Amino acid sequence: MPEVLAVVEYKDVTPYLKARGLLKQYLKAKAILLSGDQARVYFKERQPQGSGVWSFRINKQFRALGCFRKPGELAISEIYNHQ
């Protein structure tokens, strides 16, 4: 599993989080991911394996999707409803 050193968001992610009241939960999940505790936020590669798309859990309902732009830099492109 790749090491995550930085997490950056595309410009349309933050308004989506604010509109749904998820910003605080997202920032907490992001901090946990950056601390190296990837299992706690269920950080995993999406199917099919090798696609390069990774996700982590914000809460039981929402997940953040992104890909690695540079080694160690995860770029979050989408927040989606996992339910």
N, C-alpha and C. Protein backbone atom coordinates (compact mmCIF):
# COMPACT_ATOMS: atom_id res chain seq x y z
N MET A 1 0.85 -1.18 0.00
CA MET A 1 0.00 0.00 0.00
C MET A 1 0.89 1.24 0.00
N PRO A 2 0.61 2.19 -0.89
CA PRO A 2 1.46 3.38 -0.96
C PRO A 2 1.33 4.28 0.27
N GLU A 3 2.42 4.95 0.57
CA GLU A 3 2.43 5.89 1.69
C GLU A 3 1.84 7.22 1.23
N VAL A 4 0.99 7.81 2.07
CA VAL A 4 0.36 9.09 1.76
C VAL A 4 1.05 10.17 2.58
N LEU A 5 1.73 11.08 1.88
CA LEU A 5 2.45 12.17 2.53
C LEU A 5 1.68 13.48 2.48
N ALA A 6 0.82 13.62 1.47
CA ALA A 6 0.03 14.84 1.30
C ALA A 6 -1.30 14.49 0.64
N VAL A 7 -2.33 15.23 1.01
CA VAL A 7 -3.66 15.07 0.40
C VAL A 7 -4.10 16.45 -0.07
N VAL A 8 -4.38 16.55 -1.36
CA VAL A 8 -4.86 17.81 -1.94
C VAL A 8 -6.24 17.57 -2.55
N GLU A 9 -7.05 18.61 -2.60
CA GLU A 9 -8.40 18.49 -3.11
C GLU A 9 -8.56 19.33 -4.37
N TYR A 10 -9.33 18.82 -5.32
CA TYR A 10 -9.74 19.64 -6.45
C TYR A 10 -10.70 20.70 -5.95
N LYS A 11 -10.87 21.78 -6.71
CA LYS A 11 -11.60 22.95 -6.23
C LYS A 11 -13.08 22.70 -5.96
N ASP A 12 -13.70 21.71 -6.59
CA ASP A 12 -15.13 21.49 -6.37
C ASP A 12 -15.42 20.56 -5.19
N VAL A 13 -14.41 20.03 -4.54
CA VAL A 13 -14.60 19.10 -3.42
C VAL A 13 -15.03 19.85 -2.16
N THR A 14 -14.37 20.94 -1.83
CA THR A 14 -14.66 21.66 -0.59
C THR A 14 -16.10 22.20 -0.54
N PRO A 15 -16.63 22.82 -1.59
CA PRO A 15 -18.03 23.26 -1.54
C PRO A 15 -19.01 22.10 -1.33
N TYR A 16 -18.71 20.95 -1.92
CA TYR A 16 -19.55 19.76 -1.75
C TYR A 16 -19.57 19.34 -0.29
N LEU A 17 -18.38 19.33 0.34
CA LEU A 17 -18.28 18.95 1.75
C LEU A 17 -19.01 19.94 2.65
N LYS A 18 -18.85 21.23 2.38
CA LYS A 18 -19.52 22.26 3.19
C LYS A 18 -21.03 22.18 3.06
N ALA A 19 -21.54 21.93 1.85
CA ALA A 19 -22.97 21.88 1.62
C ALA A 19 -23.63 20.73 2.37
N ARG A 20 -22.89 19.67 2.62
CA ARG A 20 -23.44 18.50 3.30
C ARG A 20 -23.00 18.39 4.76
N GLY A 21 -22.27 19.39 5.26
CA GLY A 21 -21.84 19.38 6.65
C GLY A 21 -20.79 18.32 6.95
N LEU A 22 -19.95 18.01 5.97
CA LEU A 22 -18.96 16.94 6.11
C LEU A 22 -17.53 17.45 6.29
N LEU A 23 -17.33 18.75 6.27
CA LEU A 23 -15.97 19.29 6.26
C LEU A 23 -15.17 18.86 7.49
N LYS A 24 -15.75 18.94 8.67
CA LYS A 24 -15.04 18.58 9.90
C LYS A 24 -14.69 17.08 9.90
N GLN A 25 -15.63 16.24 9.48
CA GLN A 25 -15.39 14.80 9.42
C GLN A 25 -14.32 14.47 8.38
N TYR A 26 -14.35 15.17 7.24
CA TYR A 26 -13.35 14.95 6.19
C TYR A 26 -11.96 15.32 6.69
N LEU A 27 -11.84 16.46 7.35
CA LEU A 27 -10.53 16.90 7.85
C LEU A 27 -9.99 15.93 8.89
N LYS A 28 -10.86 15.37 9.70
CA LYS A 28 -10.43 14.38 10.69
C LYS A 28 -9.93 13.10 10.00
N ALA A 29 -10.67 12.61 9.01
CA ALA A 29 -10.27 11.42 8.27
C ALA A 29 -8.96 11.66 7.51
N LYS A 30 -8.81 12.87 6.97
CA LYS A 30 -7.59 13.23 6.26
C LYS A 30 -6.39 13.23 7.20
N ALA A 31 -6.56 13.76 8.41
CA ALA A 31 -5.49 13.78 9.41
C ALA A 31 -5.10 12.36 9.82
N ILE A 32 -6.08 11.49 9.97
CA ILE A 32 -5.80 10.09 10.33
C ILE A 32 -5.02 9.42 9.21
N LEU A 33 -5.41 9.66 7.97
CA LEU A 33 -4.71 9.09 6.82
C LEU A 33 -3.27 9.58 6.75
N LEU A 34 -3.07 10.86 6.98
CA LEU A 34 -1.72 11.43 6.93
C LEU A 34 -0.85 10.96 8.09
N SER A 35 -1.47 10.56 9.20
CA SER A 35 -0.70 10.07 10.35
C SER A 35 -0.17 8.66 10.11
N GLY A 36 -0.66 8.00 9.06
CA GLY A 36 -0.17 6.67 8.72
C GLY A 36 -1.09 5.54 9.13
N ASP A 37 -2.22 5.86 9.75
CA ASP A 37 -3.17 4.85 10.19
C ASP A 37 -4.19 4.59 9.08
N GLN A 38 -3.75 3.96 8.00
CA GLN A 38 -4.59 3.76 6.83
C GLN A 38 -5.74 2.79 7.07
N ALA A 39 -5.55 1.83 7.95
CA ALA A 39 -6.60 0.86 8.22
C ALA A 39 -7.80 1.50 8.91
N ARG A 40 -7.56 2.52 9.70
CA ARG A 40 -8.63 3.17 10.46
C ARG A 40 -9.65 3.88 9.58
N VAL A 41 -9.23 4.36 8.42
CA VAL A 41 -10.14 5.04 7.48
C VAL A 41 -10.43 4.17 6.26
N TYR A 42 -10.08 2.90 6.34
CA TYR A 42 -10.35 1.94 5.26
C TYR A 42 -9.80 2.42 3.92
N PHE A 43 -8.54 2.84 3.91
CA PHE A 43 -7.88 3.31 2.69
C PHE A 43 -7.59 2.10 1.82
N LYS A 44 -8.13 2.09 0.59
CA LYS A 44 -7.93 0.94 -0.29
C LYS A 44 -8.05 1.36 -1.75
N GLU A 45 -7.53 0.50 -2.62
CA GLU A 45 -7.63 0.75 -4.06
C GLU A 45 -8.97 0.22 -4.56
N ARG A 46 -9.59 0.99 -5.42
CA ARG A 46 -10.88 0.60 -5.99
C ARG A 46 -10.69 -0.50 -7.02
N GLN A 47 -11.76 -1.21 -7.28
CA GLN A 47 -11.74 -2.26 -8.28
C GLN A 47 -11.82 -1.65 -9.67
N PRO A 48 -11.19 -2.17 -10.66
CA PRO A 48 -10.28 -3.31 -10.67
C PRO A 48 -8.91 -2.91 -10.14
N GLN A 49 -8.22 -3.87 -9.56
CA GLN A 49 -6.89 -3.62 -9.04
C GLN A 49 -6.00 -3.09 -10.16
N GLY A 50 -5.16 -2.13 -9.85
CA GLY A 50 -4.29 -1.52 -10.84
C GLY A 50 -4.91 -0.32 -11.53
N SER A 51 -6.14 0.03 -11.15
CA SER A 51 -6.81 1.17 -11.78
C SER A 51 -6.19 2.50 -11.37
N GLY A 52 -5.54 2.52 -10.20
CA GLY A 52 -4.92 3.75 -9.73
C GLY A 52 -5.87 4.66 -8.98
N VAL A 53 -7.10 4.22 -8.75
CA VAL A 53 -8.09 5.01 -8.02
C VAL A 53 -8.17 4.48 -6.60
N TRP A 54 -7.98 5.37 -5.63
CA TRP A 54 -7.97 5.00 -4.23
C TRP A 54 -9.10 5.71 -3.51
N SER A 55 -9.55 5.13 -2.39
CA SER A 55 -10.62 5.75 -1.61
C SER A 55 -10.35 5.58 -0.13
N PHE A 56 -10.93 6.50 0.65
CA PHE A 56 -10.93 6.35 2.09
C PHE A 56 -12.26 6.82 2.64
N ARG A 57 -12.61 6.30 3.80
CA ARG A 57 -13.91 6.54 4.38
C ARG A 57 -13.93 7.82 5.21
N ILE A 58 -14.91 8.67 4.95
CA ILE A 58 -15.12 9.88 5.74
C ILE A 58 -16.01 9.54 6.93
N ASN A 59 -17.12 8.88 6.66
CA ASN A 59 -18.01 8.35 7.69
C ASN A 59 -18.67 7.11 7.10
N LYS A 60 -19.67 6.57 7.75
CA LYS A 60 -20.28 5.34 7.23
C LYS A 60 -20.97 5.53 5.89
N GLN A 61 -21.33 6.76 5.57
CA GLN A 61 -22.07 7.02 4.34
C GLN A 61 -21.21 7.52 3.19
N PHE A 62 -20.19 8.33 3.45
CA PHE A 62 -19.44 8.99 2.38
C PHE A 62 -17.99 8.52 2.31
N ARG A 63 -17.48 8.48 1.08
CA ARG A 63 -16.09 8.14 0.81
C ARG A 63 -15.48 9.21 -0.08
N ALA A 64 -14.16 9.35 0.02
CA ALA A 64 -13.41 10.27 -0.82
C ALA A 64 -12.63 9.45 -1.85
N LEU A 65 -12.71 9.85 -3.11
CA LEU A 65 -12.00 9.17 -4.20
C LEU A 65 -10.87 10.05 -4.72
N GLY A 66 -9.76 9.42 -5.05
CA GLY A 66 -8.65 10.18 -5.60
C GLY A 66 -7.61 9.28 -6.23
N CYS A 67 -6.58 9.90 -6.78
CA CYS A 67 -5.48 9.16 -7.37
C CYS A 67 -4.18 9.86 -7.02
N PHE A 68 -3.08 9.17 -7.19
CA PHE A 68 -1.78 9.73 -6.87
C PHE A 68 -1.25 10.49 -8.08
N ARG A 69 -1.04 11.81 -7.90
CA ARG A 69 -0.46 12.64 -8.96
C ARG A 69 1.05 12.52 -8.95
N LYS A 70 1.62 12.52 -7.77
CA LYS A 70 3.05 12.35 -7.56
C LYS A 70 3.20 11.27 -6.50
N PRO A 71 4.37 10.68 -6.37
CA PRO A 71 4.54 9.72 -5.29
C PRO A 71 4.29 10.38 -3.92
N GLY A 72 3.34 9.83 -3.19
CA GLY A 72 3.02 10.34 -1.87
C GLY A 72 1.96 11.42 -1.84
N GLU A 73 1.52 11.93 -2.98
CA GLU A 73 0.51 13.00 -3.02
C GLU A 73 -0.80 12.48 -3.60
N LEU A 74 -1.79 12.35 -2.75
CA LEU A 74 -3.10 11.88 -3.15
C LEU A 74 -3.99 13.07 -3.48
N ALA A 75 -4.53 13.10 -4.70
CA ALA A 75 -5.41 14.18 -5.15
C ALA A 75 -6.85 13.71 -5.10
N ILE A 76 -7.66 14.32 -4.24
CA ILE A 76 -9.06 13.95 -4.08
C ILE A 76 -9.89 14.66 -5.14
N SER A 77 -10.57 13.87 -5.95
CA SER A 77 -11.35 14.43 -7.05
C SER A 77 -12.85 14.35 -6.83
N GLU A 78 -13.29 13.48 -5.92
CA GLU A 78 -14.73 13.28 -5.78
C GLU A 78 -15.06 12.76 -4.38
N ILE A 79 -16.20 13.20 -3.87
CA ILE A 79 -16.78 12.66 -2.64
C ILE A 79 -18.08 12.01 -3.08
N TYR A 80 -18.30 10.76 -2.68
CA TYR A 80 -19.53 10.12 -3.13
C TYR A 80 -20.24 9.39 -1.99
N ASN A 81 -21.52 9.19 -2.18
CA ASN A 81 -22.37 8.51 -1.22
C ASN A 81 -22.18 7.01 -1.42
N HIS A 82 -21.67 6.35 -0.41
CA HIS A 82 -21.34 4.92 -0.48
C HIS A 82 -22.55 4.03 -0.25
N GLN A 83 -23.65 4.59 0.21
CA GLN A 83 -24.83 3.78 0.55
C GLN A 83 -25.57 3.31 -0.65
